Amino acid sequence: MLGKLGDWTVPFGPYTPAQLVVLGGGAFTLIKTYEFWSWAGPIPLVLWIASVWAVRGAQIAGQNPFTALVGVLVLLARHPAGRIDGRIAKDRRPSYLRCRFVIAPALEPVSAEAPAAVRAVVPVPVVVTTAAGSGLSRLVAGTGRGAV
């Protein structure tokens, strides 16, 4: 509530901030648009005073309209990415994988003959016999799939 400014007392006060905004904004608007509403006589002035009186107890979500408007302006002024620890949230800089591949020449030349340590791998045939009965009986008999 604003009812006294220094030694000067506001007439018909005290006023809320919303009332002062409507009072000042309405006066400015009425002065600038006098040509448009002058034919209506005192009706716009009465509506202006009535609107100042009407916003005395106005609340938006429990706040007076002035602080609600400030909250909306703060919300619109925020950075779209938001904040983390009070700083604007930013994506991390891309980090590139830096690797090196070295192809070194062989230490010994490869000979035409295979060394003695390397032996030829000979496949061993697996004989699978089928047993009669269910899969469980074949598994127990050791002749099922995967039996060696």
N, C-alpha and C. Protein backbone atom coordinates (compact mmCIF):
# COMPACT_ATOMS: atom_id res chain seq x y z
N MET A 1 0.84 -1.17 0.00
CA MET A 1 0.00 0.00 0.00
C MET A 1 0.89 1.24 0.00
N LEU A 2 0.54 2.15 -0.84
CA LEU A 2 1.26 3.41 -0.92
C LEU A 2 0.28 4.52 -0.57
N GLY A 3 0.51 5.19 0.53
CA GLY A 3 -0.39 6.24 0.97
C GLY A 3 0.31 7.54 1.25
N LYS A 4 1.63 7.49 1.34
CA LYS A 4 2.35 8.70 1.68
C LYS A 4 3.69 8.68 0.93
N LEU A 5 3.98 9.74 0.23
CA LEU A 5 5.24 9.88 -0.47
C LEU A 5 5.97 11.09 0.11
N GLY A 6 6.93 10.82 0.96
CA GLY A 6 7.63 11.91 1.63
C GLY A 6 6.68 12.59 2.61
N ASP A 7 6.56 13.91 2.50
CA ASP A 7 5.64 14.66 3.36
C ASP A 7 4.26 14.81 2.71
N TRP A 8 4.14 14.37 1.48
CA TRP A 8 2.89 14.54 0.74
C TRP A 8 2.04 13.29 0.90
N THR A 9 0.78 13.48 1.25
CA THR A 9 -0.16 12.37 1.37
C THR A 9 -0.97 12.27 0.08
N VAL A 10 -1.06 11.05 -0.45
CA VAL A 10 -1.78 10.81 -1.68
C VAL A 10 -3.28 10.98 -1.41
N PRO A 11 -3.99 11.79 -2.22
CA PRO A 11 -5.42 11.97 -1.99
C PRO A 11 -6.19 10.66 -2.18
N PHE A 12 -7.16 10.43 -1.32
CA PHE A 12 -8.01 9.25 -1.35
C PHE A 12 -7.20 7.96 -1.23
N GLY A 13 -6.00 8.02 -0.71
CA GLY A 13 -5.13 6.85 -0.59
C GLY A 13 -5.45 6.06 0.64
N PRO A 14 -4.76 5.05 0.94
CA PRO A 14 -3.58 4.50 0.26
C PRO A 14 -3.96 3.68 -0.98
N TYR A 15 -3.00 3.51 -1.88
CA TYR A 15 -3.23 2.80 -3.14
C TYR A 15 -2.30 1.59 -3.22
N THR A 16 -2.80 0.59 -3.92
CA THR A 16 -1.95 -0.57 -4.21
C THR A 16 -1.12 -0.25 -5.46
N PRO A 17 -0.05 -0.99 -5.69
CA PRO A 17 0.71 -0.76 -6.93
C PRO A 17 -0.14 -0.94 -8.19
N ALA A 18 -1.07 -1.90 -8.17
CA ALA A 18 -1.93 -2.10 -9.34
C ALA A 18 -2.81 -0.88 -9.58
N GLN A 19 -3.31 -0.29 -8.53
CA GLN A 19 -4.13 0.91 -8.68
C GLN A 19 -3.31 2.07 -9.25
N LEU A 20 -2.08 2.20 -8.82
CA LEU A 20 -1.23 3.28 -9.33
C LEU A 20 -0.91 3.06 -10.81
N VAL A 21 -0.72 1.81 -11.22
CA VAL A 21 -0.46 1.53 -12.63
C VAL A 21 -1.68 1.88 -13.47
N VAL A 22 -2.88 1.47 -13.01
CA VAL A 22 -4.11 1.79 -13.75
C VAL A 22 -4.35 3.29 -13.75
N LEU A 23 -4.06 3.94 -12.65
CA LEU A 23 -4.24 5.39 -12.55
C LEU A 23 -3.33 6.12 -13.54
N GLY A 24 -2.05 5.80 -13.52
CA GLY A 24 -1.09 6.46 -14.41
C GLY A 24 -1.28 6.07 -15.87
N GLY A 25 -1.43 4.78 -16.13
CA GLY A 25 -1.62 4.31 -17.51
C GLY A 25 -2.92 4.81 -18.10
N GLY A 26 -3.98 4.82 -17.29
CA GLY A 26 -5.27 5.32 -17.79
C GLY A 26 -5.22 6.81 -18.08
N ALA A 27 -4.56 7.59 -17.22
CA ALA A 27 -4.44 9.02 -17.46
C ALA A 27 -3.67 9.28 -18.75
N PHE A 28 -2.57 8.57 -18.94
CA PHE A 28 -1.78 8.74 -20.17
C PHE A 28 -2.61 8.37 -21.40
N THR A 29 -3.33 7.26 -21.32
CA THR A 29 -4.13 6.81 -22.46
C THR A 29 -5.26 7.79 -22.76
N LEU A 30 -5.93 8.27 -21.71
CA LEU A 30 -7.03 9.21 -21.93
C LEU A 30 -6.53 10.53 -22.53
N ILE A 31 -5.38 10.99 -22.12
CA ILE A 31 -4.84 12.24 -22.67
C ILE A 31 -4.46 12.06 -24.13
N LYS A 32 -3.79 10.95 -24.46
CA LYS A 32 -3.33 10.72 -25.84
C LYS A 32 -4.49 10.41 -26.81
N THR A 33 -5.60 9.87 -26.31
CA THR A 33 -6.70 9.49 -27.20
C THR A 33 -7.93 10.36 -27.00
N TYR A 34 -7.76 11.59 -26.60
CA TYR A 34 -8.88 12.50 -26.32
C TYR A 34 -9.79 12.68 -27.55
N GLU A 35 -9.21 12.73 -28.74
CA GLU A 35 -9.99 12.94 -29.95
C GLU A 35 -10.99 11.81 -30.19
N PHE A 36 -10.64 10.59 -29.78
CA PHE A 36 -11.49 9.43 -30.03
C PHE A 36 -12.66 9.33 -29.05
N TRP A 37 -12.48 9.74 -27.81
CA TRP A 37 -13.53 9.54 -26.80
C TRP A 37 -14.20 10.83 -26.34
N SER A 38 -13.79 11.97 -26.86
CA SER A 38 -14.34 13.25 -26.40
C SER A 38 -15.84 13.38 -26.66
N TRP A 39 -16.37 12.72 -27.66
CA TRP A 39 -17.80 12.78 -27.96
C TRP A 39 -18.64 12.08 -26.89
N ALA A 40 -18.00 11.17 -26.07
CA ALA A 40 -18.74 10.40 -25.08
C ALA A 40 -18.92 11.16 -23.77
N GLY A 41 -18.36 12.33 -23.65
CA GLY A 41 -18.50 13.12 -22.43
C GLY A 41 -17.70 12.54 -21.28
N PRO A 42 -18.26 12.53 -20.06
CA PRO A 42 -17.52 12.07 -18.89
C PRO A 42 -17.51 10.55 -18.69
N ILE A 43 -18.14 9.81 -19.58
CA ILE A 43 -18.23 8.34 -19.40
C ILE A 43 -16.84 7.70 -19.34
N PRO A 44 -15.90 7.98 -20.25
CA PRO A 44 -14.57 7.37 -20.13
C PRO A 44 -13.85 7.74 -18.83
N LEU A 45 -14.04 8.95 -18.34
CA LEU A 45 -13.40 9.34 -17.07
C LEU A 45 -14.00 8.56 -15.90
N VAL A 46 -15.32 8.36 -15.92
CA VAL A 46 -15.97 7.59 -14.85
C VAL A 46 -15.51 6.13 -14.91
N LEU A 47 -15.40 5.59 -16.11
CA LEU A 47 -14.91 4.20 -16.25
C LEU A 47 -13.47 4.08 -15.77
N TRP A 48 -12.67 5.10 -16.02
CA TRP A 48 -11.27 5.09 -15.57
C TRP A 48 -11.19 5.08 -14.04
N ILE A 49 -11.96 5.96 -13.39
CA ILE A 49 -11.96 6.01 -11.93
C ILE A 49 -12.53 4.71 -11.35
N ALA A 50 -13.56 4.15 -12.00
CA ALA A 50 -14.13 2.88 -11.53
C ALA A 50 -13.13 1.74 -11.68
N SER A 51 -12.34 1.76 -12.73
CA SER A 51 -11.34 0.70 -12.90
C SER A 51 -10.23 0.82 -11.86
N VAL A 52 -9.86 2.05 -11.49
CA VAL A 52 -8.88 2.24 -10.42
C VAL A 52 -9.42 1.68 -9.11
N TRP A 53 -10.69 1.93 -8.84
CA TRP A 53 -11.31 1.41 -7.62
C TRP A 53 -11.44 -0.11 -7.68
N ALA A 54 -11.71 -0.68 -8.88
CA ALA A 54 -11.96 -2.12 -9.02
C ALA A 54 -10.70 -2.96 -8.80
N VAL A 55 -9.54 -2.44 -9.10
CA VAL A 55 -8.32 -3.24 -8.98
C VAL A 55 -7.71 -3.15 -7.58
N ARG A 56 -8.40 -2.56 -6.62
CA ARG A 56 -7.83 -2.39 -5.29
C ARG A 56 -7.54 -3.72 -4.61
N GLY A 57 -8.38 -4.72 -4.82
CA GLY A 57 -8.17 -6.02 -4.17
C GLY A 57 -7.96 -7.14 -5.16
N ALA A 58 -7.64 -6.79 -6.41
CA ALA A 58 -7.47 -7.81 -7.44
C ALA A 58 -6.25 -8.67 -7.15
N GLN A 59 -6.42 -9.97 -7.38
CA GLN A 59 -5.30 -10.90 -7.19
C GLN A 59 -5.30 -11.91 -8.33
N ILE A 60 -4.11 -12.27 -8.74
CA ILE A 60 -3.91 -13.31 -9.74
C ILE A 60 -3.05 -14.37 -9.08
N ALA A 61 -3.62 -15.53 -8.85
CA ALA A 61 -2.93 -16.64 -8.18
C ALA A 61 -2.36 -16.20 -6.83
N GLY A 62 -3.13 -15.42 -6.09
CA GLY A 62 -2.71 -15.00 -4.77
C GLY A 62 -1.77 -13.81 -4.74
N GLN A 63 -1.45 -13.24 -5.89
CA GLN A 63 -0.56 -12.08 -5.95
C GLN A 63 -1.32 -10.91 -6.54
N ASN A 64 -0.85 -9.71 -6.24
CA ASN A 64 -1.50 -8.59 -6.90
C ASN A 64 -1.05 -8.58 -8.36
N PRO A 65 -1.84 -7.99 -9.25
CA PRO A 65 -1.54 -8.05 -10.68
C PRO A 65 -0.18 -7.49 -11.06
N PHE A 66 0.32 -6.51 -10.31
CA PHE A 66 1.62 -5.93 -10.63
C PHE A 66 2.74 -6.96 -10.46
N THR A 67 2.75 -7.66 -9.33
CA THR A 67 3.80 -8.67 -9.13
C THR A 67 3.59 -9.87 -10.04
N ALA A 68 2.33 -10.19 -10.38
CA ALA A 68 2.09 -11.28 -11.34
C ALA A 68 2.63 -10.91 -12.71
N LEU A 69 2.46 -9.64 -13.12
CA LEU A 69 2.99 -9.17 -14.39
C LEU A 69 4.52 -9.20 -14.39
N VAL A 70 5.12 -8.79 -13.29
CA VAL A 70 6.58 -8.85 -13.17
C VAL A 70 7.06 -10.29 -13.28
N GLY A 71 6.33 -11.22 -12.65
CA GLY A 71 6.69 -12.63 -12.75
C GLY A 71 6.61 -13.15 -14.17
N VAL A 72 5.59 -12.75 -14.91
CA VAL A 72 5.47 -13.16 -16.31
C VAL A 72 6.61 -12.57 -17.14
N LEU A 73 6.96 -11.32 -16.90
CA LEU A 73 8.07 -10.70 -17.64
C LEU A 73 9.39 -11.39 -17.33
N VAL A 74 9.60 -11.76 -16.08
CA VAL A 74 10.82 -12.49 -15.72
C VAL A 74 10.85 -13.85 -16.40
N LEU A 75 9.69 -14.51 -16.46
CA LEU A 75 9.61 -15.81 -17.12
C LEU A 75 9.92 -15.69 -18.61
N LEU A 76 9.41 -14.65 -19.25
CA LEU A 76 9.67 -14.46 -20.67
C LEU A 76 11.11 -14.04 -20.95
N ALA A 77 11.77 -13.40 -19.98
CA ALA A 77 13.13 -12.93 -20.18
C ALA A 77 14.17 -14.02 -19.91
N ARG A 78 13.74 -15.14 -19.36
CA ARG A 78 14.70 -16.21 -19.06
C ARG A 78 15.28 -16.80 -20.33
N HIS A 79 16.45 -17.36 -20.19
CA HIS A 79 17.08 -18.05 -21.31
C HIS A 79 16.32 -19.36 -21.55
N PRO A 80 16.05 -19.71 -22.81
CA PRO A 80 15.25 -20.92 -23.06
C PRO A 80 15.92 -22.20 -22.58
N ALA A 81 17.22 -22.22 -22.46
CA ALA A 81 17.90 -23.43 -22.01
C ALA A 81 17.81 -23.62 -20.51
N GLY A 82 17.44 -22.58 -19.77
CA GLY A 82 17.35 -22.68 -18.32
C GLY A 82 18.67 -22.34 -17.66
N ARG A 83 18.73 -22.64 -16.36
CA ARG A 83 19.94 -22.33 -15.60
C ARG A 83 20.34 -23.53 -14.75
N ILE A 84 21.63 -23.66 -14.55
CA ILE A 84 22.21 -24.67 -13.67
C ILE A 84 23.18 -23.94 -12.76
N ASP A 85 22.94 -24.00 -11.47
CA ASP A 85 23.77 -23.30 -10.47
C ASP A 85 23.89 -21.81 -10.77
N GLY A 86 22.82 -21.19 -11.26
CA GLY A 86 22.81 -19.76 -11.51
C GLY A 86 23.41 -19.34 -12.84
N ARG A 87 23.99 -20.28 -13.57
CA ARG A 87 24.56 -19.95 -14.89
C ARG A 87 23.66 -20.52 -15.97
N ILE A 88 23.71 -19.90 -17.15
CA ILE A 88 22.91 -20.38 -18.27
C ILE A 88 23.39 -21.77 -18.65
N ALA A 89 22.45 -22.69 -18.79
CA ALA A 89 22.79 -24.07 -19.15
C ALA A 89 23.22 -24.11 -20.62
N LYS A 90 24.34 -24.71 -20.87
CA LYS A 90 24.86 -24.83 -22.23
C LYS A 90 25.20 -26.28 -22.49
N ASP A 91 25.15 -26.65 -23.77
CA ASP A 91 25.60 -27.98 -24.14
C ASP A 91 27.11 -28.02 -24.01
N ARG A 92 27.61 -29.17 -23.67
CA ARG A 92 29.06 -29.31 -23.59
C ARG A 92 29.67 -29.23 -24.98
N ARG A 93 30.90 -28.72 -25.01
CA ARG A 93 31.60 -28.68 -26.29
C ARG A 93 31.85 -30.09 -26.77
N PRO A 94 31.74 -30.31 -28.06
CA PRO A 94 32.00 -31.67 -28.54
C PRO A 94 33.46 -32.04 -28.35
N SER A 95 33.70 -33.25 -27.93
CA SER A 95 35.08 -33.73 -27.79
C SER A 95 35.29 -34.81 -28.84
N TYR A 96 36.37 -34.71 -29.51
CA TYR A 96 36.66 -35.64 -30.59
C TYR A 96 37.60 -36.73 -30.09
N LEU A 97 37.36 -37.93 -30.56
CA LEU A 97 38.21 -39.05 -30.20
C LEU A 97 39.48 -38.95 -31.04
N ARG A 98 40.59 -38.82 -30.37
CA ARG A 98 41.85 -38.68 -31.09
C ARG A 98 42.69 -39.92 -30.85
N CYS A 99 42.79 -40.72 -31.87
CA CYS A 99 43.55 -41.97 -31.78
C CYS A 99 44.52 -42.04 -32.94
N ARG A 100 45.54 -42.84 -32.74
CA ARG A 100 46.50 -43.08 -33.81
C ARG A 100 46.65 -44.57 -33.97
N PHE A 101 46.66 -45.00 -35.22
CA PHE A 101 46.90 -46.39 -35.54
C PHE A 101 48.22 -46.46 -36.28
N VAL A 102 49.10 -47.32 -35.79
CA VAL A 102 50.41 -47.46 -36.41
C VAL A 102 50.50 -48.86 -36.99
N ILE A 103 50.76 -48.92 -38.25
CA ILE A 103 50.96 -50.22 -38.89
C ILE A 103 52.46 -50.39 -39.07
N ALA A 104 53.01 -51.31 -38.30
CA ALA A 104 54.45 -51.53 -38.34
C ALA A 104 54.76 -52.72 -39.24
N PRO A 105 55.92 -52.69 -39.88
CA PRO A 105 56.28 -53.85 -40.70
C PRO A 105 56.59 -55.05 -39.81
N ALA A 106 56.45 -56.25 -40.39
CA ALA A 106 56.71 -57.48 -39.64
C ALA A 106 58.18 -57.52 -39.25
N LEU A 107 58.46 -58.14 -38.10
CA LEU A 107 59.83 -58.20 -37.62
C LEU A 107 60.67 -59.19 -38.43
N GLU A 108 60.07 -60.30 -38.85
CA GLU A 108 60.79 -61.30 -39.65
C GLU A 108 60.04 -61.51 -40.95
N PRO A 109 60.75 -61.72 -42.00
CA PRO A 109 60.05 -62.03 -43.25
C PRO A 109 59.40 -63.41 -43.15
N VAL A 110 58.24 -63.55 -43.75
CA VAL A 110 57.51 -64.81 -43.70
C VAL A 110 58.12 -65.76 -44.74
N SER A 111 58.46 -66.96 -44.27
CA SER A 111 59.06 -67.94 -45.19
C SER A 111 57.96 -68.74 -45.88
N ALA A 112 58.33 -69.42 -46.93
CA ALA A 112 57.38 -70.21 -47.70
C ALA A 112 56.93 -71.43 -46.91
N GLU A 113 57.83 -72.03 -46.13
CA GLU A 113 57.47 -73.20 -45.34
C GLU A 113 56.91 -72.75 -44.00
N ALA A 114 55.95 -73.51 -43.52
CA ALA A 114 55.38 -73.20 -42.22
C ALA A 114 56.36 -73.65 -41.15
N PRO A 115 56.55 -72.90 -40.09
CA PRO A 115 57.45 -73.33 -39.02
C PRO A 115 56.93 -74.58 -38.33
N ALA A 116 57.83 -75.23 -37.61
CA ALA A 116 57.49 -76.49 -36.97
C ALA A 116 56.48 -76.31 -35.86
N ALA A 117 56.40 -75.11 -35.28
CA ALA A 117 55.48 -74.89 -34.17
C ALA A 117 54.03 -74.84 -34.65
N VAL A 118 53.85 -74.51 -35.92
CA VAL A 118 52.49 -74.42 -36.44
C VAL A 118 52.14 -75.75 -37.07
N ARG A 119 51.12 -76.40 -36.61
CA ARG A 119 50.70 -77.68 -37.14
C ARG A 119 49.37 -77.51 -37.87
N ALA A 120 49.15 -78.34 -38.79
CA ALA A 120 47.91 -78.28 -39.56
C ALA A 120 46.78 -78.79 -38.69
N VAL A 121 45.67 -78.14 -38.79
CA VAL A 121 44.48 -78.54 -38.03
C VAL A 121 43.66 -79.45 -38.92
N VAL A 122 43.46 -80.65 -38.43
CA VAL A 122 42.70 -81.65 -39.18
C VAL A 122 41.35 -81.79 -38.52
N PRO A 123 40.26 -81.60 -39.27
CA PRO A 123 38.94 -81.75 -38.66
C PRO A 123 38.67 -83.21 -38.30
N VAL A 124 38.11 -83.43 -37.12
CA VAL A 124 37.78 -84.77 -36.66
C VAL A 124 36.28 -84.95 -36.88
N PRO A 125 35.90 -86.01 -37.62
CA PRO A 125 34.47 -86.22 -37.85
C PRO A 125 33.77 -86.66 -36.55
N VAL A 126 32.59 -86.17 -36.36
CA VAL A 126 31.80 -86.50 -35.18
C VAL A 126 30.68 -87.42 -35.61
N VAL A 127 30.60 -88.56 -34.97
CA VAL A 127 29.56 -89.53 -35.29
C VAL A 127 28.41 -89.30 -34.32
N VAL A 128 27.24 -88.98 -34.87
CA VAL A 128 26.07 -88.74 -34.05
C VAL A 128 25.07 -89.83 -34.35
N THR A 129 24.70 -90.55 -33.33
CA THR A 129 23.67 -91.58 -33.50
C THR A 129 22.40 -91.07 -32.84
N THR A 130 21.31 -91.38 -33.44
CA THR A 130 20.05 -90.94 -32.90
C THR A 130 19.47 -92.01 -32.02
N ALA A 131 18.98 -91.61 -30.90
CA ALA A 131 18.33 -92.55 -29.98
C ALA A 131 16.84 -92.35 -30.08
N ALA A 132 16.11 -93.40 -29.90
CA ALA A 132 14.67 -93.32 -29.96
C ALA A 132 14.15 -92.70 -28.67
N GLY A 133 13.02 -92.05 -28.77
CA GLY A 133 12.41 -91.49 -27.57
C GLY A 133 12.37 -89.98 -27.61
N SER A 134 12.14 -89.41 -26.46
CA SER A 134 11.99 -87.96 -26.36
C SER A 134 13.36 -87.29 -26.34
N GLY A 135 13.35 -85.98 -26.38
CA GLY A 135 14.59 -85.22 -26.33
C GLY A 135 15.32 -85.42 -25.03
N LEU A 136 14.58 -85.64 -23.92
CA LEU A 136 15.21 -85.87 -22.63
C LEU A 136 15.96 -87.19 -22.61
N SER A 137 15.37 -88.23 -23.20
CA SER A 137 16.07 -89.52 -23.22
C SER A 137 17.30 -89.46 -24.11
N ARG A 138 17.25 -88.69 -25.21
CA ARG A 138 18.44 -88.55 -26.07
C ARG A 138 19.52 -87.76 -25.33
N LEU A 139 19.12 -86.77 -24.55
CA LEU A 139 20.08 -85.98 -23.79
C LEU A 139 20.76 -86.84 -22.74
N VAL A 140 20.01 -87.68 -22.07
CA VAL A 140 20.59 -88.55 -21.04
C VAL A 140 21.49 -89.58 -21.69
N ALA A 141 21.12 -90.03 -22.88
CA ALA A 141 21.93 -91.05 -23.58
C ALA A 141 23.19 -90.44 -24.15
N GLY A 142 23.23 -89.09 -24.25
CA GLY A 142 24.44 -88.45 -24.77
C GLY A 142 24.49 -88.40 -26.28
N THR A 143 23.39 -88.67 -26.94
CA THR A 143 23.39 -88.68 -28.40
C THR A 143 22.59 -87.53 -28.95
N GLY A 144 22.18 -86.62 -28.12
CA GLY A 144 21.35 -85.52 -28.58
C GLY A 144 22.16 -84.46 -29.31
N ARG A 145 21.52 -83.40 -29.60
CA ARG A 145 22.17 -82.31 -30.32
C ARG A 145 23.28 -81.73 -29.47
N GLY A 146 24.45 -81.56 -30.03
CA GLY A 146 25.57 -80.98 -29.33
C GLY A 146 26.41 -82.01 -28.59
N ALA A 147 26.00 -83.28 -28.62
CA ALA A 147 26.80 -84.31 -27.94
C ALA A 147 28.01 -84.65 -28.81
N VAL A 148 29.14 -84.89 -28.18
CA VAL A 148 30.37 -85.18 -28.92
C VAL A 148 30.82 -86.59 -28.59
